Amino acid sequence: AVDFNSFRSKIHHTQFGAQKVKDAIVDRLRDLFGTRPSVDL
């Protein structure tokens, strides 16, 4: 799960920011191992 908060920054949409962070983590793990974690909030 990813919590994202923004203060006076260009990326201010917290849900969009959290999605980008989650994508980056699972993409790295998928590239390395061919599989990825699931999401549990």
PDB file of all heavy atoms in Angstrom:
ATOM      1  N   ALA A   1       0.856  -1.186   0.000  1.00  0.00           N
ATOM      2  CA  ALA A   1       0.000   0.000   0.000  1.00  0.00           C
ATOM      3  C   ALA A   1       0.887   1.228   0.000  1.00  0.00           C
ATOM      4  O   ALA A   1       2.021   1.195   0.497  1.00  0.00           O
ATOM      5  CB  ALA A   1      -0.933   0.015   1.201  1.00  0.00           C
ATOM      6  N   VAL A   2       0.392   2.325  -0.573  1.00  0.00           N
ATOM      7  CA  VAL A   2       1.162   3.564  -0.661  1.00  0.00           C
ATOM      8  C   VAL A   2       0.317   4.722  -0.140  1.00  0.00           C
ATOM      9  O   VAL A   2      -0.832   4.913  -0.549  1.00  0.00           O
ATOM     10  CB  VAL A   2       1.595   3.862  -2.114  1.00  0.00           C
ATOM     11  CG1 VAL A   2       2.307   5.219  -2.186  1.00  0.00           C
ATOM     12  CG2 VAL A   2       2.496   2.755  -2.644  1.00  0.00           C
ATOM     13  N   ASP A   3       0.893   5.488   0.786  1.00  0.00           N
ATOM     14  CA  ASP A   3       0.296   6.750   1.233  1.00  0.00           C
ATOM     15  C   ASP A   3       1.111   7.883   0.617  1.00  0.00           C
ATOM     16  O   ASP A   3       2.346   7.883   0.710  1.00  0.00           O
ATOM     17  CB  ASP A   3       0.340   6.869   2.753  1.00  0.00           C
ATOM     18  CG  ASP A   3      -0.542   5.843   3.437  1.00  0.00           C
ATOM     19  OD1 ASP A   3      -1.590   5.491   2.864  1.00  0.00           O
ATOM     20  OD2 ASP A   3      -0.174   5.386   4.535  1.00  0.00           O
ATOM     21  N   PHE A   4       0.444   8.848   0.010  1.00  0.00           N
ATOM     22  CA  PHE A   4       1.133   9.949  -0.668  1.00  0.00           C
ATOM     23  C   PHE A   4       0.532  11.272  -0.214  1.00  0.00           C
ATOM     24  O   PHE A   4      -0.682  11.467  -0.258  1.00  0.00           O
ATOM     25  CB  PHE A   4       0.989   9.797  -2.190  1.00  0.00           C
ATOM     26  CG  PHE A   4       1.767  10.801  -2.997  1.00  0.00           C
ATOM     27  CD1 PHE A   4       3.044  10.507  -3.448  1.00  0.00           C
ATOM     28  CD2 PHE A   4       1.227  12.045  -3.308  1.00  0.00           C
ATOM     29  CE1 PHE A   4       3.771  11.428  -4.195  1.00  0.00           C
ATOM     30  CE2 PHE A   4       1.938  12.973  -4.047  1.00  0.00           C
ATOM     31  CZ  PHE A   4       3.219  12.660  -4.492  1.00  0.00           C
ATOM     32  N   ASN A   5       1.393  12.172   0.241  1.00  0.00           N
ATOM     33  CA  ASN A   5       0.959  13.511   0.640  1.00  0.00           C
ATOM     34  C   ASN A   5       1.847  14.549  -0.027  1.00  0.00           C
ATOM     35  O   ASN A   5       3.039  14.317  -0.231  1.00  0.00           O
ATOM     36  CB  ASN A   5       1.032  13.665   2.158  1.00  0.00           C
ATOM     37  CG  ASN A   5      -0.011  12.813   2.858  1.00  0.00           C
ATOM     38  OD1 ASN A   5      -1.192  13.107   2.836  1.00  0.00           O
ATOM     39  ND2 ASN A   5       0.436  11.715   3.461  1.00  0.00           N
ATOM     40  N   SER A   6       1.264  15.681  -0.355  1.00  0.00           N
ATOM     41  CA  SER A   6       1.994  16.714  -1.084  1.00  0.00           C
ATOM     42  C   SER A   6       1.774  18.075  -0.436  1.00  0.00           C
ATOM     43  O   SER A   6       0.668  18.397   0.008  1.00  0.00           O
ATOM     44  CB  SER A   6       1.522  16.755  -2.541  1.00  0.00           C
ATOM     45  OG  SER A   6       2.161  17.785  -3.246  1.00  0.00           O
ATOM     46  N   PHE A   7       2.870  18.871  -0.383  1.00  0.00           N
ATOM     47  CA  PHE A   7       2.788  20.215   0.175  1.00  0.00           C
ATOM     48  C   PHE A   7       3.569  21.173  -0.727  1.00  0.00           C
ATOM     49  O   PHE A   7       4.772  21.023  -0.913  1.00  0.00           O
ATOM     50  CB  PHE A   7       3.367  20.232   1.599  1.00  0.00           C
ATOM     51  CG  PHE A   7       3.404  21.598   2.231  1.00  0.00           C
ATOM     52  CD1 PHE A   7       2.246  22.188   2.705  1.00  0.00           C
ATOM     53  CD2 PHE A   7       4.605  22.284   2.345  1.00  0.00           C
ATOM     54  CE1 PHE A   7       2.276  23.444   3.291  1.00  0.00           C
ATOM     55  CE2 PHE A   7       4.647  23.546   2.929  1.00  0.00           C
ATOM     56  CZ  PHE A   7       3.475  24.128   3.402  1.00  0.00           C
ATOM     57  N   ARG A   8       2.842  22.122  -1.325  1.00  0.00           N
ATOM     58  CA  ARG A   8       3.442  23.137  -2.188  1.00  0.00           C
ATOM     59  C   ARG A   8       4.394  22.520  -3.213  1.00  0.00           C
ATOM     60  O   ARG A   8       5.556  22.905  -3.345  1.00  0.00           O
ATOM     61  CB  ARG A   8       4.163  24.188  -1.346  1.00  0.00           C
ATOM     62  CG  ARG A   8       3.194  25.011  -0.492  1.00  0.00           C
ATOM     63  CD  ARG A   8       3.866  26.106   0.290  1.00  0.00           C
ATOM     64  NE  ARG A   8       2.880  26.865   1.063  1.00  0.00           N
ATOM     65  CZ  ARG A   8       3.184  27.820   1.936  1.00  0.00           C
ATOM     66  NH1 ARG A   8       4.455  28.127   2.139  1.00  0.00           N
ATOM     67  NH2 ARG A   8       2.233  28.455   2.597  1.00  0.00           N
ATOM     68  N   SER A   9       3.862  21.538  -3.936  1.00  0.00           N
ATOM     69  CA  SER A   9       4.636  20.854  -4.978  1.00  0.00           C
ATOM     70  C   SER A   9       3.818  20.764  -6.257  1.00  0.00           C
ATOM     71  O   SER A   9       2.592  20.918  -6.237  1.00  0.00           O
ATOM     72  CB  SER A   9       5.014  19.441  -4.507  1.00  0.00           C
ATOM     73  OG  SER A   9       5.818  19.494  -3.342  1.00  0.00           O
ATOM     74  N   LYS A  10       4.501  20.542  -7.363  1.00  0.00           N
ATOM     75  CA  LYS A  10       3.823  20.500  -8.657  1.00  0.00           C
ATOM     76  C   LYS A  10       2.916  19.281  -8.773  1.00  0.00           C
ATOM     77  O   LYS A  10       1.896  19.322  -9.464  1.00  0.00           O
ATOM     78  CB  LYS A  10       4.861  20.534  -9.777  1.00  0.00           C
ATOM     79  CG  LYS A  10       5.578  21.878  -9.867  1.00  0.00           C
ATOM     80  CD  LYS A  10       6.546  21.922 -11.032  1.00  0.00           C
ATOM     81  CE  LYS A  10       7.236  23.301 -11.109  1.00  0.00           C
ATOM     82  NZ  LYS A  10       8.220  23.373 -12.218  1.00  0.00           N
ATOM     83  N   ILE A  11       3.308  18.185  -8.168  1.00  0.00           N
ATOM     84  CA  ILE A  11       2.426  17.011  -8.121  1.00  0.00           C
ATOM     85  C   ILE A  11       1.579  17.158  -6.859  1.00  0.00           C
ATOM     86  O   ILE A  11       2.063  16.962  -5.745  1.00  0.00           O
ATOM     87  CB  ILE A  11       3.238  15.699  -8.064  1.00  0.00           C
ATOM     88  CG1 ILE A  11       4.204  15.611  -9.243  1.00  0.00           C
ATOM     89  CG2 ILE A  11       2.301  14.490  -8.069  1.00  0.00           C
ATOM     90  CD1 ILE A  11       5.179  14.450  -9.150  1.00  0.00           C
ATOM     91  N   HIS A  12       0.348  17.553  -7.028  1.00  0.00           N
ATOM     92  CA  HIS A  12      -0.495  17.838  -5.862  1.00  0.00           C
ATOM     93  C   HIS A  12      -1.683  16.901  -5.726  1.00  0.00           C
ATOM     94  O   HIS A  12      -2.372  16.915  -4.705  1.00  0.00           O
ATOM     95  CB  HIS A  12      -0.983  19.294  -5.899  1.00  0.00           C
ATOM     96  CG  HIS A  12      -1.618  19.688  -7.191  1.00  0.00           C
ATOM     97  ND1 HIS A  12      -2.916  19.366  -7.489  1.00  0.00           N
ATOM     98  CD2 HIS A  12      -1.124  20.365  -8.272  1.00  0.00           C
ATOM     99  CE1 HIS A  12      -3.213  19.838  -8.700  1.00  0.00           C
ATOM    100  NE2 HIS A  12      -2.148  20.438  -9.195  1.00  0.00           N
ATOM    101  N   HIS A  13      -1.927  16.065  -6.739  1.00  0.00           N
ATOM    102  CA  HIS A  13      -3.030  15.109  -6.666  1.00  0.00           C
ATOM    103  C   HIS A  13      -2.524  13.863  -5.944  1.00  0.00           C
ATOM    104  O   HIS A  13      -1.743  13.084  -6.490  1.00  0.00           O
ATOM    105  CB  HIS A  13      -3.527  14.759  -8.071  1.00  0.00           C
ATOM    106  CG  HIS A  13      -4.857  14.062  -8.083  1.00  0.00           C
ATOM    107  ND1 HIS A  13      -5.023  12.789  -7.567  1.00  0.00           N
ATOM    108  CD2 HIS A  13      -6.073  14.452  -8.534  1.00  0.00           C
ATOM    109  CE1 HIS A  13      -6.281  12.427  -7.719  1.00  0.00           C
ATOM    110  NE2 HIS A  13      -6.942  13.426  -8.293  1.00  0.00           N
ATOM    111  N   THR A  14      -2.969  13.666  -4.695  1.00  0.00           N
ATOM    112  CA  THR A  14      -2.399  12.612  -3.860  1.00  0.00           C
ATOM    113  C   THR A  14      -2.685  11.203  -4.399  1.00  0.00           C
ATOM    114  O   THR A  14      -1.822  10.325  -4.334  1.00  0.00           O
ATOM    115  CB  THR A  14      -2.921  12.727  -2.420  1.00  0.00           C
ATOM    116  OG1 THR A  14      -4.362  12.724  -2.437  1.00  0.00           O
ATOM    117  CG2 THR A  14      -2.445  14.020  -1.781  1.00  0.00           C
ATOM    118  N   GLN A  15      -3.880  10.991  -4.936  1.00  0.00           N
ATOM    119  CA  GLN A  15      -4.215   9.663  -5.447  1.00  0.00           C
ATOM    120  C   GLN A  15      -3.378   9.331  -6.685  1.00  0.00           C
ATOM    121  O   GLN A  15      -2.887   8.209  -6.839  1.00  0.00           O
ATOM    122  CB  GLN A  15      -5.708   9.592  -5.783  1.00  0.00           C
ATOM    123  CG  GLN A  15      -6.197   8.174  -6.052  1.00  0.00           C
ATOM    124  CD  GLN A  15      -7.708   8.103  -6.179  1.00  0.00           C
ATOM    125  OE1 GLN A  15      -8.406   9.084  -5.922  1.00  0.00           O
ATOM    126  NE2 GLN A  15      -8.212   6.950  -6.578  1.00  0.00           N
ATOM    127  N   PHE A  16      -3.163  10.332  -7.537  1.00  0.00           N
ATOM    128  CA  PHE A  16      -2.338  10.142  -8.734  1.00  0.00           C
ATOM    129  C   PHE A  16      -0.886   9.885  -8.331  1.00  0.00           C
ATOM    130  O   PHE A  16      -0.210   9.013  -8.891  1.00  0.00           O
ATOM    131  CB  PHE A  16      -2.426  11.378  -9.639  1.00  0.00           C
ATOM    132  CG  PHE A  16      -1.580  11.289 -10.876  1.00  0.00           C
ATOM    133  CD1 PHE A  16      -1.881  10.393 -11.884  1.00  0.00           C
ATOM    134  CD2 PHE A  16      -0.472  12.114 -11.027  1.00  0.00           C
ATOM    135  CE1 PHE A  16      -1.099  10.316 -13.028  1.00  0.00           C
ATOM    136  CE2 PHE A  16       0.315  12.045 -12.160  1.00  0.00           C
ATOM    137  CZ  PHE A  16       0.005  11.142 -13.164  1.00  0.00           C
ATOM    138  N   GLY A  17      -0.398  10.638  -7.342  1.00  0.00           N
ATOM    139  CA  GLY A  17       0.966  10.435  -6.871  1.00  0.00           C
ATOM    140  C   GLY A  17       1.166   9.043  -6.294  1.00  0.00           C
ATOM    141  O   GLY A  17       2.166   8.376  -6.573  1.00  0.00           O
ATOM    142  N   ALA A  18       0.199   8.582  -5.487  1.00  0.00           N
ATOM    143  CA  ALA A  18       0.277   7.237  -4.905  1.00  0.00           C
ATOM    144  C   ALA A  18       0.289   6.171  -5.987  1.00  0.00           C
ATOM    145  O   ALA A  18       1.014   5.169  -5.889  1.00  0.00           O
ATOM    146  CB  ALA A  18      -0.894   7.018  -3.949  1.00  0.00           C
ATOM    147  N   GLN A  19      -0.503   6.387  -7.033  1.00  0.00           N
ATOM    148  CA  GLN A  19      -0.561   5.429  -8.148  1.00  0.00           C
ATOM    149  C   GLN A  19       0.787   5.327  -8.847  1.00  0.00           C
ATOM    150  O   GLN A  19       1.260   4.231  -9.171  1.00  0.00           O
ATOM    151  CB  GLN A  19      -1.635   5.867  -9.151  1.00  0.00           C
ATOM    152  CG  GLN A  19      -1.838   4.913 -10.319  1.00  0.00           C
ATOM    153  CD  GLN A  19      -2.524   3.625  -9.924  1.00  0.00           C
ATOM    154  OE1 GLN A  19      -3.365   3.631  -9.021  1.00  0.00           O
ATOM    155  NE2 GLN A  19      -2.163   2.520 -10.551  1.00  0.00           N
ATOM    156  N   LYS A  20       1.449   6.458  -9.058  1.00  0.00           N
ATOM    157  CA  LYS A  20       2.763   6.481  -9.710  1.00  0.00           C
ATOM    158  C   LYS A  20       3.813   5.757  -8.864  1.00  0.00           C
ATOM    159  O   LYS A  20       4.663   5.026  -9.381  1.00  0.00           O
ATOM    160  CB  LYS A  20       3.202   7.924  -9.980  1.00  0.00           C
ATOM    161  CG  LYS A  20       2.620   8.536 -11.239  1.00  0.00           C
ATOM    162  CD  LYS A  20       3.165   7.803 -12.446  1.00  0.00           C
ATOM    163  CE  LYS A  20       2.514   8.308 -13.738  1.00  0.00           C
ATOM    164  NZ  LYS A  20       2.979   7.537 -14.915  1.00  0.00           N
ATOM    165  N   VAL A  21       3.776   5.983  -7.569  1.00  0.00           N
ATOM    166  CA  VAL A  21       4.715   5.317  -6.664  1.00  0.00           C
ATOM    167  C   VAL A  21       4.489   3.810  -6.692  1.00  0.00           C
ATOM    168  O   VAL A  21       5.438   3.021  -6.804  1.00  0.00           O
ATOM    169  CB  VAL A  21       4.566   5.861  -5.224  1.00  0.00           C
ATOM    170  CG1 VAL A  21       5.390   5.027  -4.240  1.00  0.00           C
ATOM    171  CG2 VAL A  21       4.988   7.326  -5.171  1.00  0.00           C
ATOM    172  N   LYS A  22       3.226   3.414  -6.601  1.00  0.00           N
ATOM    173  CA  LYS A  22       2.904   1.982  -6.635  1.00  0.00           C
ATOM    174  C   LYS A  22       3.360   1.349  -7.939  1.00  0.00           C
ATOM    175  O   LYS A  22       3.977   0.267  -7.955  1.00  0.00           O
ATOM    176  CB  LYS A  22       1.392   1.802  -6.441  1.00  0.00           C
ATOM    177  CG  LYS A  22       0.927   0.360  -6.305  1.00  0.00           C
ATOM    178  CD  LYS A  22       0.554  -0.287  -7.621  1.00  0.00           C
ATOM    179  CE  LYS A  22      -0.648   0.385  -8.253  1.00  0.00           C
ATOM    180  NZ  LYS A  22      -1.012  -0.258  -9.548  1.00  0.00           N
ATOM    181  N   ASP A  23       3.112   2.039  -9.070  1.00  0.00           N
ATOM    182  CA  ASP A  23       3.522   1.517 -10.374  1.00  0.00           C
ATOM    183  C   ASP A  23       5.031   1.302 -10.442  1.00  0.00           C
ATOM    184  O   ASP A  23       5.510   0.282 -10.953  1.00  0.00           O
ATOM    185  CB  ASP A  23       3.099   2.478 -11.492  1.00  0.00           C
ATOM    186  CG  ASP A  23       1.595   2.488 -11.725  1.00  0.00           C
ATOM    187  OD1 ASP A  23       0.917   1.573 -11.210  1.00  0.00           O
ATOM    188  OD2 ASP A  23       1.105   3.409 -12.408  1.00  0.00           O
ATOM    189  N   ALA A  24       5.780   2.266  -9.916  1.00  0.00           N
ATOM    190  CA  ALA A  24       7.240   2.177  -9.975  1.00  0.00           C
ATOM    191  C   ALA A  24       7.756   0.993  -9.160  1.00  0.00           C
ATOM    192  O   ALA A  24       8.669   0.274  -9.589  1.00  0.00           O
ATOM    193  CB  ALA A  24       7.866   3.477  -9.463  1.00  0.00           C
ATOM    194  N   ILE A  25       7.160   0.765  -7.992  1.00  0.00           N
ATOM    195  CA  ILE A  25       7.604  -0.352  -7.143  1.00  0.00           C
ATOM    196  C   ILE A  25       7.300  -1.691  -7.808  1.00  0.00           C
ATOM    197  O   ILE A  25       8.172  -2.566  -7.914  1.00  0.00           O
ATOM    198  CB  ILE A  25       6.935  -0.275  -5.750  1.00  0.00           C
ATOM    199  CG1 ILE A  25       7.366   0.994  -5.008  1.00  0.00           C
ATOM    200  CG2 ILE A  25       7.286  -1.515  -4.915  1.00  0.00           C
ATOM    201  CD1 ILE A  25       6.599   1.252  -3.718  1.00  0.00           C
ATOM    202  N   VAL A  26       6.066  -1.868  -8.273  1.00  0.00           N
ATOM    203  CA  VAL A  26       5.695  -3.164  -8.846  1.00  0.00           C
ATOM    204  C   VAL A  26       6.391  -3.392 -10.187  1.00  0.00           C
ATOM    205  O   VAL A  26       6.734  -4.536 -10.525  1.00  0.00           O
ATOM    206  CB  VAL A  26       4.158  -3.309  -8.983  1.00  0.00           C
ATOM    207  CG1 VAL A  26       3.481  -3.194  -7.622  1.00  0.00           C
ATOM    208  CG2 VAL A  26       3.574  -2.296  -9.943  1.00  0.00           C
ATOM    209  N   ASP A  27       6.638  -2.316 -10.949  1.00  0.00           N
ATOM    210  CA  ASP A  27       7.360  -2.473 -12.211  1.00  0.00           C
ATOM    211  C   ASP A  27       8.787  -2.958 -11.979  1.00  0.00           C
ATOM    212  O   ASP A  27       9.302  -3.807 -12.705  1.00  0.00           O
ATOM    213  CB  ASP A  27       7.372  -1.163 -13.006  1.00  0.00           C
ATOM    214  CG  ASP A  27       6.011  -0.842 -13.612  1.00  0.00           C
ATOM    215  OD1 ASP A  27       5.117  -1.713 -13.556  1.00  0.00           O
ATOM    216  OD2 ASP A  27       5.845   0.292 -14.127  1.00  0.00           O
ATOM    217  N   ARG A  28       9.437  -2.417 -10.934  1.00  0.00           N
ATOM    218  CA  ARG A  28      10.801  -2.857 -10.636  1.00  0.00           C
ATOM    219  C   ARG A  28      10.807  -4.343 -10.252  1.00  0.00           C
ATOM    220  O   ARG A  28      11.647  -5.119 -10.738  1.00  0.00           O
ATOM    221  CB  ARG A  28      11.401  -2.027  -9.496  1.00  0.00           C
ATOM    222  CG  ARG A  28      12.818  -2.484  -9.121  1.00  0.00           C
ATOM    223  CD  ARG A  28      13.388  -1.756  -7.928  1.00  0.00           C
ATOM    224  NE  ARG A  28      14.671  -2.303  -7.545  1.00  0.00           N
ATOM    225  CZ  ARG A  28      15.855  -1.863  -7.963  1.00  0.00           C
ATOM    226  NH1 ARG A  28      15.923  -0.828  -8.798  1.00  0.00           N
ATOM    227  NH2 ARG A  28      16.979  -2.442  -7.558  1.00  0.00           N
ATOM    228  N   LEU A  29       9.884  -4.723  -9.393  1.00  0.00           N
ATOM    229  CA  LEU A  29       9.849  -6.115  -8.942  1.00  0.00           C
ATOM    230  C   LEU A  29       9.460  -7.062 -10.073  1.00  0.00           C
ATOM    231  O   LEU A  29       9.995  -8.171 -10.187  1.00  0.00           O
ATOM    232  CB  LEU A  29       8.884  -6.257  -7.763  1.00  0.00           C
ATOM    233  CG  LEU A  29       9.324  -5.533  -6.485  1.00  0.00           C
ATOM    234  CD1 LEU A  29       8.214  -5.568  -5.437  1.00  0.00           C
ATOM    235  CD2 LEU A  29      10.596  -6.149  -5.915  1.00  0.00           C
ATOM    236  N   ARG A  30       8.554  -6.629 -10.940  1.00  0.00           N
ATOM    237  CA  ARG A  30       8.176  -7.460 -12.086  1.00  0.00           C
ATOM    238  C   ARG A  30       9.342  -7.616 -13.052  1.00  0.00           C
ATOM    239  O   ARG A  30       9.580  -8.707 -13.589  1.00  0.00           O
ATOM    240  CB  ARG A  30       6.970  -6.851 -12.809  1.00  0.00           C
ATOM    241  CG  ARG A  30       6.414  -7.769 -13.897  1.00  0.00           C
ATOM    242  CD  ARG A  30       5.426  -7.087 -14.804  1.00  0.00           C
ATOM    243  NE  ARG A  30       4.155  -6.803 -14.151  1.00  0.00           N
ATOM    244  CZ  ARG A  30       3.709  -5.586 -13.876  1.00  0.00           C
ATOM    245  NH1 ARG A  30       4.464  -4.526 -14.153  1.00  0.00           N
ATOM    246  NH2 ARG A  30       2.536  -5.409 -13.326  1.00  0.00           N
ATOM    247  N   ASP A  31      10.105  -6.522 -13.273  1.00  0.00           N
ATOM    248  CA  ASP A  31      11.280  -6.593 -14.154  1.00  0.00           C
ATOM    249  C   ASP A  31      12.325  -7.561 -13.614  1.00  0.00           C
ATOM    250  O   ASP A  31      12.993  -8.267 -14.375  1.00  0.00           O
ATOM    251  CB  ASP A  31      11.907  -5.202 -14.322  1.00  0.00           C
ATOM    252  CG  ASP A  31      11.029  -4.255 -15.135  1.00  0.00           C
ATOM    253  OD1 ASP A  31      10.056  -4.738 -15.756  1.00  0.00           O
ATOM    254  OD2 ASP A  31      11.304  -3.037 -15.117  1.00  0.00           O
ATOM    255  N   LEU A  32      12.461  -7.606 -12.284  1.00  0.00           N
ATOM    256  CA  LEU A  32      13.485  -8.457 -11.668  1.00  0.00           C
ATOM    257  C   LEU A  32      13.043  -9.911 -11.532  1.00  0.00           C
ATOM    258  O   LEU A  32      13.848 -10.830 -11.737  1.00  0.00           O
ATOM    259  CB  LEU A  32      13.844  -7.921 -10.284  1.00  0.00           C
ATOM    260  CG  LEU A  32      14.664  -6.629 -10.224  1.00  0.00           C
ATOM    261  CD1 LEU A  32      14.751  -6.126  -8.773  1.00  0.00           C
ATOM    262  CD2 LEU A  32      16.067  -6.854 -10.778  1.00  0.00           C
ATOM    263  N   PHE A  33      11.759 -10.134 -11.205  1.00  0.00           N
ATOM    264  CA  PHE A  33      11.326 -11.487 -10.838  1.00  0.00           C
ATOM    265  C   PHE A  33      10.169 -12.031 -11.682  1.00  0.00           C
ATOM    266  O   PHE A  33       9.786 -13.190 -11.512  1.00  0.00           O
ATOM    267  CB  PHE A  33      10.911 -11.513  -9.363  1.00  0.00           C
ATOM    268  CG  PHE A  33      11.995 -11.010  -8.436  1.00  0.00           C
ATOM    269  CD1 PHE A  33      11.891  -9.749  -7.849  1.00  0.00           C
ATOM    270  CD2 PHE A  33      13.113 -11.781  -8.157  1.00  0.00           C
ATOM    271  CE1 PHE A  33      12.881  -9.275  -6.991  1.00  0.00           C
ATOM    272  CE2 PHE A  33      14.108 -11.320  -7.305  1.00  0.00           C
ATOM    273  CZ  PHE A  33      14.001 -10.063  -6.730  1.00  0.00           C
ATOM    274  N   GLY A  34       9.610 -11.210 -12.550  1.00  0.00           N
ATOM    275  CA  GLY A  34       8.519 -11.674 -13.393  1.00  0.00           C
ATOM    276  C   GLY A  34       7.179 -11.746 -12.690  1.00  0.00           C
ATOM    277  O   GLY A  34       6.200 -12.234 -13.262  1.00  0.00           O
ATOM    278  N   THR A  35       7.121 -11.275 -11.468  1.00  0.00           N
ATOM    279  CA  THR A  35       5.870 -11.237 -10.720  1.00  0.00           C
ATOM    280  C   THR A  35       5.862 -10.001  -9.825  1.00  0.00           C
ATOM    281  O   THR A  35       6.885  -9.317  -9.714  1.00  0.00           O
ATOM    282  CB  THR A  35       5.694 -12.527  -9.874  1.00  0.00           C
ATOM    283  OG1 THR A  35       4.395 -12.528  -9.271  1.00  0.00           O
ATOM    284  CG2 THR A  35       6.765 -12.629  -8.801  1.00  0.00           C
ATOM    285  N   ARG A  36       4.743  -9.728  -9.187  1.00  0.00           N
ATOM    286  CA  ARG A  36       4.609  -8.471  -8.446  1.00  0.00           C
ATOM    287  C   ARG A  36       3.670  -8.632  -7.247  1.00  0.00           C
ATOM    288  O   ARG A  36       2.805  -9.528  -7.237  1.00  0.00           O
ATOM    289  CB  ARG A  36       4.072  -7.378  -9.339  1.00  0.00           C
ATOM    290  CG  ARG A  36       2.827  -7.784 -10.124  1.00  0.00           C
ATOM    291  CD  ARG A  36       1.954  -6.623 -10.480  1.00  0.00           C
ATOM    292  NE  ARG A  36       1.236  -6.083  -9.320  1.00  0.00           N
ATOM    293  CZ  ARG A  36       0.370  -5.074  -9.394  1.00  0.00           C
ATOM    294  NH1 ARG A  36       0.121  -4.518 -10.560  1.00  0.00           N
ATOM    295  NH2 ARG A  36      -0.249  -4.627  -8.317  1.00  0.00           N
ATOM    296  N   PRO A  37       3.814  -7.773  -6.231  1.00  0.00           N
ATOM    297  CA  PRO A  37       2.870  -7.805  -5.103  1.00  0.00           C
ATOM    298  C   PRO A  37       1.496  -7.300  -5.541  1.00  0.00           C
ATOM    299  O   PRO A  37       1.379  -6.575  -6.536  1.00  0.00           O
ATOM    300  CB  PRO A  37       3.491  -6.838  -4.078  1.00  0.00           C
ATOM    301  CG  PRO A  37       4.874  -6.561  -4.562  1.00  0.00           C
ATOM    302  CD  PRO A  37       4.866  -6.765  -6.033  1.00  0.00           C
ATOM    303  N   SER A  38       0.471  -7.669  -4.793  1.00  0.00           N
ATOM    304  CA  SER A  38      -0.860  -7.112  -5.022  1.00  0.00           C
ATOM    305  C   SER A  38      -1.081  -5.951  -4.052  1.00  0.00           C
ATOM    306  O   SER A  38      -0.262  -5.701  -3.180  1.00  0.00           O
ATOM    307  CB  SER A  38      -1.936  -8.189  -4.842  1.00  0.00           C
ATOM    308  OG  SER A  38      -1.821  -8.785  -3.563  1.00  0.00           O
ATOM    309  N   VAL A  39      -2.180  -5.253  -4.223  1.00  0.00           N
ATOM    310  CA  VAL A  39      -2.473  -4.080  -3.393  1.00  0.00           C
ATOM    311  C   VAL A  39      -3.450  -4.464  -2.286  1.00  0.00           C
ATOM    312  O   VAL A  39      -4.454  -5.122  -2.529  1.00  0.00           O
ATOM    313  CB  VAL A  39      -3.053  -2.935  -4.247  1.00  0.00           C
ATOM    314  CG1 VAL A  39      -3.525  -1.785  -3.354  1.00  0.00           C
ATOM    315  CG2 VAL A  39      -2.024  -2.444  -5.246  1.00  0.00           C
ATOM    316  N   ASP A  40      -3.129  -4.060  -1.058  1.00  0.00           N
ATOM    317  CA  ASP A  40      -4.024  -4.221   0.089  1.00  0.00           C
ATOM    318  C   ASP A  40      -3.975  -2.924   0.881  1.00  0.00           C
ATOM    319  O   ASP A  40      -2.990  -2.643   1.553  1.00  0.00           O
ATOM    320  CB  ASP A  40      -3.586  -5.403   0.949  1.00  0.00           C
ATOM    321  CG  ASP A  40      -4.464  -5.578   2.197  1.00  0.00           C
ATOM    322  OD1 ASP A  40      -5.448  -4.815   2.342  1.00  0.00           O
ATOM    323  OD2 ASP A  40      -4.162  -6.458   3.026  1.00  0.00           O
ATOM    324  N   LEU A  41      -5.014  -2.133   0.807  1.00  0.00           N
ATOM    325  CA  LEU A  41      -5.025  -0.828   1.473  1.00  0.00           C
ATOM    326  C   LEU A  41      -5.264  -0.941   2.968  1.00  0.00           C
ATOM    327  O   LEU A  41      -5.016   0.007   3.707  1.00  0.00           O
ATOM    328  CB  LEU A  41      -6.100   0.069   0.841  1.00  0.00           C
ATOM    329  CG  LEU A  41      -5.941   0.364  -0.650  1.00  0.00           C
ATOM    330  CD1 LEU A  41      -7.089   1.242  -1.142  1.00  0.00           C
ATOM    331  CD2 LEU A  41      -4.601   1.018  -0.942  1.00  0.00           C
TER     332      LEU A  41
END
